[in-house]
Amino acid sequence: MFGWLVRIVMSLAAVITGWFVVNDSPSFGIVQMAVSLLLIVLFVAIMVFWPWIMSRFGYKREPEN
């Protein structure tokens, strides 16, 4: 399960890195790792601040009866 998550994040990071760095560049792996870490940090930040984000945009949770 963890391997699948890492593979998805690294694939997305490779695509994003490919926009800015040539694949044959010696620093491609380093830049890809930095982009993947930024993606993980962004995902965790969205998860942590999700209630605040939803309340900021006017989403009101209905109370349970």
C-alpha atoms as a PDB file:
ATOM      1  CA  MET A   1       0.000   0.000   0.000  1.00  0.00           C
ATOM      2  CA  PHE A   2       2.778   2.426   0.935  1.00  0.00           C
ATOM      3  CA  GLY A   3       4.607   1.565  -2.282  1.00  0.00           C
ATOM      4  CA  TRP A   4       1.604   2.603  -4.348  1.00  0.00           C
ATOM      5  CA  LEU A   5       1.391   5.962  -2.603  1.00  0.00           C
ATOM      6  CA  VAL A   6       5.092   6.614  -3.129  1.00  0.00           C
ATOM      7  CA  ARG A   7       4.822   5.601  -6.779  1.00  0.00           C
ATOM      8  CA  ILE A   8       1.886   7.971  -7.382  1.00  0.00           C
ATOM      9  CA  VAL A   9       3.639  10.907  -5.679  1.00  0.00           C
ATOM     10  CA  MET A  10       6.911  10.272  -7.504  1.00  0.00           C
ATOM     11  CA  SER A  11       5.141   9.951 -10.863  1.00  0.00           C
ATOM     12  CA  LEU A  12       3.372  13.254 -10.344  1.00  0.00           C
ATOM     13  CA  ALA A  13       6.635  14.833  -9.201  1.00  0.00           C
ATOM     14  CA  ALA A  14       8.405  13.507 -12.318  1.00  0.00           C
ATOM     15  CA  VAL A  15       5.820  15.139 -14.562  1.00  0.00           C
ATOM     16  CA  ILE A  16       6.076  18.464 -12.751  1.00  0.00           C
ATOM     17  CA  THR A  17       9.874  18.306 -12.695  1.00  0.00           C
ATOM     18  CA  GLY A  18       9.920  17.456 -16.397  1.00  0.00           C
ATOM     19  CA  TRP A  19       8.327  20.838 -17.126  1.00  0.00           C
ATOM     20  CA  PHE A  20      11.350  22.653 -15.677  1.00  0.00           C
ATOM     21  CA  VAL A  21      14.342  20.285 -15.852  1.00  0.00           C
ATOM     22  CA  VAL A  22      15.523  18.067 -18.705  1.00  0.00           C
ATOM     23  CA  ASN A  23      15.190  14.337 -17.911  1.00  0.00           C
ATOM     24  CA  ASP A  24      18.844  13.694 -18.820  1.00  0.00           C
ATOM     25  CA  SER A  25      20.102  16.305 -16.382  1.00  0.00           C
ATOM     26  CA  PRO A  26      22.197  14.958 -13.489  1.00  0.00           C
ATOM     27  CA  SER A  27      20.109  16.961 -11.035  1.00  0.00           C
ATOM     28  CA  PHE A  28      16.759  15.557 -12.229  1.00  0.00           C
ATOM     29  CA  GLY A  29      16.483  13.072  -9.352  1.00  0.00           C
ATOM     30  CA  ILE A  30      17.297  15.692  -6.748  1.00  0.00           C
ATOM     31  CA  VAL A  31      14.771  18.154  -8.148  1.00  0.00           C
ATOM     32  CA  GLN A  32      12.194  15.360  -8.424  1.00  0.00           C
ATOM     33  CA  MET A  33      12.692  14.491  -4.748  1.00  0.00           C
ATOM     34  CA  ALA A  34      12.322  18.150  -3.756  1.00  0.00           C
ATOM     35  CA  VAL A  35       9.099  18.433  -5.768  1.00  0.00           C
ATOM     36  CA  SER A  36       7.753  15.225  -4.242  1.00  0.00           C
ATOM     37  CA  LEU A  37       8.465  16.547  -0.740  1.00  0.00           C
ATOM     38  CA  LEU A  38       6.657  19.779  -1.595  1.00  0.00           C
ATOM     39  CA  LEU A  39       3.682  17.768  -2.862  1.00  0.00           C
ATOM     40  CA  ILE A  40       3.571  15.742   0.366  1.00  0.00           C
ATOM     41  CA  VAL A  41       3.776  18.910   2.483  1.00  0.00           C
ATOM     42  CA  LEU A  42       1.007  20.513   0.420  1.00  0.00           C
ATOM     43  CA  PHE A  43      -1.214  17.431   0.800  1.00  0.00           C
ATOM     44  CA  VAL A  44      -0.681  17.281   4.574  1.00  0.00           C
ATOM     45  CA  ALA A  45      -1.317  21.026   4.936  1.00  0.00           C
ATOM     46  CA  ILE A  46      -4.597  20.706   3.041  1.00  0.00           C
ATOM     47  CA  MET A  47      -5.651  17.806   5.269  1.00  0.00           C
ATOM     48  CA  VAL A  48      -4.764  19.701   8.454  1.00  0.00           C
ATOM     49  CA  PHE A  49      -6.491  22.934   7.452  1.00  0.00           C
ATOM     50  CA  TRP A  50      -9.475  21.311   5.688  1.00  0.00           C
ATOM     51  CA  PRO A  51     -12.079  22.355   8.319  1.00  0.00           C
ATOM     52  CA  TRP A  52     -10.821  25.945   8.264  1.00  0.00           C
ATOM     53  CA  ILE A  53     -10.798  25.999   4.447  1.00  0.00           C
ATOM     54  CA  MET A  54     -14.370  24.726   4.263  1.00  0.00           C
ATOM     55  CA  SER A  55     -15.627  27.212   6.860  1.00  0.00           C
ATOM     56  CA  ARG A  56     -13.808  30.026   5.049  1.00  0.00           C
ATOM     57  CA  PHE A  57     -15.694  29.281   1.823  1.00  0.00           C
ATOM     58  CA  GLY A  58     -19.050  29.197   3.564  1.00  0.00           C
ATOM     59  CA  TYR A  59     -19.635  25.464   3.878  1.00  0.00           C
ATOM     60  CA  LYS A  60     -21.751  24.828   6.953  1.00  0.00           C
ATOM     61  CA  ARG A  61     -21.974  21.353   8.377  1.00  0.00           C
ATOM     62  CA  GLU A  62     -25.474  20.380   9.369  1.00  0.00           C
ATOM     63  CA  PRO A  63     -25.884  19.103  12.935  1.00  0.00           C
ATOM     64  CA  GLU A  64     -26.793  15.469  13.358  1.00  0.00           C
ATOM     65  CA  ASN A  65     -30.221  14.735  14.859  1.00  0.00           C
END
